[in-house]
Amino acid sequence: MTTHPDYWNRIYEDEGRPGWDMDGATPLAAELLELALPLGLRPGGDLVVPGCGYGHDAAELEARGFSVTGLDFAPLAIQGARQRYGDRVAWSQADWFTTQLGPWDAIFDHTCFVAMDPPRRPAYVDACAAHLKPGGIWMAGLFHDVNGRPGPPHAIPMAEMCTLAEAHFDVLHLAETSASHPRRAGREYLLVARKR
């Protein structure tokens, strides 16, 4: 059951390097930051990376000057992140829906939202809003195509994503990207939204 940490822990146990792990930060990081910096996000700001996995994106954002919390449901993910990156990032094994950490200036979300079962999407957006400071920025890399495979990850059309986000956010950017990892080329798009 994807709503329990054991589900995700088993994947780390069975695969060691899960299929979503690119063995490095997503190339989308640079593009998302380029979109967010003109909106007031600045190095030194507090960012959270939900579903951080082995911490590649969190460590990349820390290297770019942000104060980063890497959060994951699976204890083995956090253990692996610490082994790879030490204490450069504030790692936390926690549930995104219930954590009392934060609030943050921004969320960097690459494949966490799409890992959620579709019925949980509205609650996920609610959690994003709850974990951000007023005017905070949600940056996300999302899938519009998962090659017909059953999820997770789950694809979501841009129009549906826009409608969900607009419950709490002003959507400032929603468009396909050409910066994806080669294994994901042509299947991802970017969302940048500001909490109202």
Protein backbone atom coordinates (compact mmCIF):
# COMPACT_ATOMS: atom_id res chain seq x y z
CA MET A 1 0.00 0.00 0.00
CA THR A 2 1.64 3.25 -1.18
CA THR A 3 0.33 5.15 1.86
CA HIS A 4 2.64 3.20 4.22
CA PRO A 5 6.43 3.67 4.45
CA ASP A 6 6.96 -0.11 4.25
CA TYR A 7 5.78 -0.06 0.61
CA TRP A 8 8.56 2.36 -0.35
CA ASN A 9 11.14 0.79 1.97
CA ARG A 10 10.64 -2.56 0.22
CA ILE A 11 11.51 -0.97 -3.11
CA TYR A 12 14.78 0.35 -1.68
CA GLU A 13 15.48 -3.07 -0.14
CA ASP A 14 14.69 -5.01 -3.31
CA GLU A 15 16.28 -2.69 -5.88
CA GLY A 16 19.03 -0.86 -4.00
CA ARG A 17 18.83 1.85 -6.64
CA PRO A 18 15.12 2.29 -7.44
CA GLY A 19 14.02 2.91 -11.01
CA TRP A 20 13.29 6.58 -10.36
CA ASP A 21 16.82 7.24 -9.06
CA MET A 22 18.95 8.94 -11.74
CA ASP A 23 22.17 8.68 -9.68
CA GLY A 24 22.34 12.47 -9.64
CA ALA A 25 20.22 15.60 -9.48
CA THR A 26 17.50 16.14 -12.06
CA PRO A 27 18.48 18.45 -14.92
CA LEU A 28 15.15 20.18 -14.27
CA ALA A 29 16.65 21.85 -11.19
CA ALA A 30 18.37 24.61 -13.17
CA GLU A 31 15.27 25.40 -15.22
CA LEU A 32 12.94 25.45 -12.22
CA LEU A 33 15.27 27.75 -10.29
CA GLU A 34 15.61 30.03 -13.31
CA LEU A 35 11.82 30.36 -13.31
CA ALA A 36 11.56 30.87 -9.54
CA LEU A 37 14.38 33.34 -8.89
CA PRO A 38 12.60 36.28 -10.59
CA LEU A 39 9.64 35.59 -8.27
CA GLY A 40 11.68 36.44 -5.20
CA LEU A 41 13.24 33.08 -4.30
CA ARG A 42 16.84 33.74 -3.27
CA PRO A 43 19.83 31.66 -2.18
CA GLY A 44 19.70 31.39 1.58
CA GLY A 45 15.97 30.71 1.44
CA ASP A 46 14.47 27.64 3.10
CA LEU A 47 13.52 24.89 0.63
CA VAL A 48 12.02 21.47 1.19
CA VAL A 49 12.33 18.49 -1.14
CA PRO A 50 9.45 16.08 -0.39
CA GLY A 51 10.08 12.50 -1.50
CA CYS A 52 13.80 13.32 -1.63
CA GLY A 53 14.90 9.69 -2.08
CA TYR A 54 18.69 9.42 -1.95
CA GLY A 55 18.94 13.20 -1.75
CA HIS A 56 20.49 14.14 -5.11
CA ASP A 57 18.17 17.11 -5.74
CA ALA A 58 18.36 18.28 -2.13
CA ALA A 59 22.18 18.24 -2.22
CA GLU A 60 22.21 20.11 -5.55
CA LEU A 61 19.95 22.83 -4.14
CA GLU A 62 22.14 23.11 -1.03
CA ALA A 63 25.19 23.50 -3.28
CA ARG A 64 23.37 26.39 -5.00
CA GLY A 65 23.14 28.22 -1.69
CA PHE A 66 19.76 27.25 -0.25
CA SER A 67 18.96 25.97 3.23
CA VAL A 68 17.41 22.60 2.40
CA THR A 69 15.30 20.01 4.17
CA GLY A 70 15.18 16.62 2.46
CA LEU A 71 12.08 14.73 3.53
CA ASP A 72 11.07 11.17 2.69
CA PHE A 73 8.51 8.64 3.93
CA ALA A 74 10.96 5.71 3.63
CA PRO A 75 13.63 5.32 6.34
CA LEU A 76 15.99 3.61 3.86
CA ALA A 77 15.79 6.62 1.54
CA ILE A 78 16.89 8.97 4.32
CA GLN A 79 19.59 6.52 5.39
CA GLY A 80 20.90 6.43 1.80
CA ALA A 81 20.79 10.21 1.51
CA ARG A 82 22.85 10.62 4.69
CA GLN A 83 25.38 8.06 3.45
CA ARG A 84 25.78 9.93 0.15
CA TYR A 85 25.68 13.55 1.33
CA GLY A 86 26.29 13.61 5.08
CA ASP A 87 24.77 16.48 7.01
CA ARG A 88 24.86 19.13 4.27
CA VAL A 89 21.06 18.89 4.22
CA ALA A 90 18.59 18.59 7.12
CA TRP A 91 17.25 15.07 6.46
CA SER A 92 13.91 14.01 7.93
CA GLN A 93 11.99 10.74 7.72
CA ALA A 94 8.43 12.06 7.77
CA ASP A 95 5.03 11.94 6.10
CA TRP A 96 4.42 14.97 3.84
CA PHE A 97 0.74 14.97 4.82
CA THR A 98 1.32 15.19 8.58
CA THR A 99 4.81 16.59 9.20
CA GLN A 100 5.00 19.53 11.60
CA LEU A 101 8.25 20.79 10.04
CA GLY A 102 8.31 24.05 8.11
CA PRO A 103 6.94 26.34 6.90
CA TRP A 104 9.32 26.86 3.99
CA ASP A 105 9.93 29.55 1.38
CA ALA A 106 9.69 27.01 -1.44
CA ILE A 107 8.97 23.39 -2.33
CA PHE A 108 11.10 21.57 -4.90
CA ASP A 109 8.96 18.63 -6.01
CA HIS A 110 10.41 16.22 -8.54
CA THR A 111 8.36 13.00 -8.81
CA CYS A 112 6.81 13.15 -5.32
CA PHE A 113 3.43 14.46 -6.44
CA VAL A 114 3.26 11.92 -9.28
CA ALA A 115 4.05 9.09 -6.84
CA MET A 116 0.80 9.78 -4.98
CA ASP A 117 -2.28 7.71 -5.74
CA PRO A 118 -4.55 10.00 -7.80
CA PRO A 119 -7.33 10.18 -5.13
CA ARG A 120 -4.77 11.76 -2.76
CA ARG A 121 -3.86 14.61 -5.11
CA PRO A 122 -6.16 17.28 -3.61
CA ALA A 123 -4.86 16.49 -0.11
CA TYR A 124 -1.29 16.69 -1.44
CA VAL A 125 -1.93 20.17 -2.83
CA ASP A 126 -3.48 21.14 0.53
CA ALA A 127 -0.31 19.92 2.26
CA CYS A 128 1.88 21.95 -0.11
CA ALA A 129 -0.06 25.08 0.77
CA ALA A 130 0.08 24.30 4.49
CA HIS A 131 3.87 23.81 4.42
CA LEU A 132 4.65 27.08 2.61
CA LYS A 133 5.00 30.56 4.01
CA PRO A 134 2.61 33.17 2.56
CA GLY A 135 3.72 33.88 -1.00
CA GLY A 136 5.84 30.70 -1.03
CA ILE A 137 6.77 29.02 -4.32
CA TRP A 138 5.93 25.46 -5.39
CA MET A 139 8.25 24.19 -8.14
CA ALA A 140 7.38 20.81 -9.60
CA GLY A 141 8.45 18.45 -12.35
CA LEU A 142 5.49 16.30 -13.41
CA PHE A 143 4.67 13.58 -15.94
CA HIS A 144 2.06 13.92 -18.65
CA ASP A 145 3.07 10.50 -20.02
CA VAL A 146 4.28 7.36 -18.21
CA ASN A 147 4.43 5.14 -21.32
CA GLY A 148 1.15 3.45 -20.44
CA ARG A 149 2.55 1.80 -17.31
CA PRO A 150 0.49 1.46 -14.13
CA GLY A 151 1.70 3.86 -11.47
CA PRO A 152 3.40 5.02 -9.52
CA PRO A 153 4.43 7.34 -11.07
CA HIS A 154 1.07 8.55 -12.33
CA ALA A 155 0.70 10.89 -15.27
CA ILE A 156 -1.49 13.97 -14.95
CA PRO A 157 -2.61 16.24 -17.80
CA MET A 158 -1.52 19.86 -17.52
CA ALA A 159 -5.09 21.16 -17.43
CA GLU A 160 -5.97 18.88 -14.52
CA MET A 161 -2.81 19.89 -12.66
CA CYS A 162 -3.65 23.56 -13.17
CA THR A 163 -7.16 23.09 -11.76
CA LEU A 164 -5.81 21.28 -8.68
CA ALA A 165 -3.11 23.85 -8.00
CA GLU A 166 -5.51 26.78 -8.35
CA ALA A 167 -7.26 25.74 -5.12
CA HIS A 168 -4.41 27.48 -3.20
CA PHE A 169 -1.95 28.82 -5.76
CA ASP A 170 -1.56 31.27 -8.60
CA VAL A 171 -0.08 29.22 -11.44
CA LEU A 172 2.76 31.28 -12.93
CA HIS A 173 4.32 28.71 -15.27
CA LEU A 174 2.92 25.47 -16.70
CA ALA A 175 4.69 24.15 -19.77
CA GLU A 176 6.64 21.25 -21.22
CA THR A 177 10.38 21.13 -20.70
CA SER A 178 13.25 20.11 -22.93
CA ALA A 179 15.61 19.73 -19.95
CA SER A 180 14.53 16.24 -18.82
CA HIS A 181 16.89 13.36 -18.15
CA PRO A 182 17.15 11.31 -21.40
CA ARG A 183 15.11 8.49 -19.80
CA ARG A 184 12.23 10.95 -19.34
CA ALA A 185 12.59 13.11 -22.43
CA GLY A 186 9.31 14.34 -23.91
CA ARG A 187 7.24 13.13 -20.94
CA GLU A 188 7.69 15.86 -18.30
CA TYR A 189 6.43 19.36 -17.76
CA LEU A 190 7.08 22.06 -15.19
CA LEU A 191 4.81 23.86 -12.74
CA VAL A 192 5.76 26.99 -10.85
CA ALA A 193 3.05 28.41 -8.59
CA ARG A 194 2.83 30.96 -5.78
CA LYS A 195 0.77 30.37 -2.65
CA ARG A 196 -2.02 32.92 -2.31
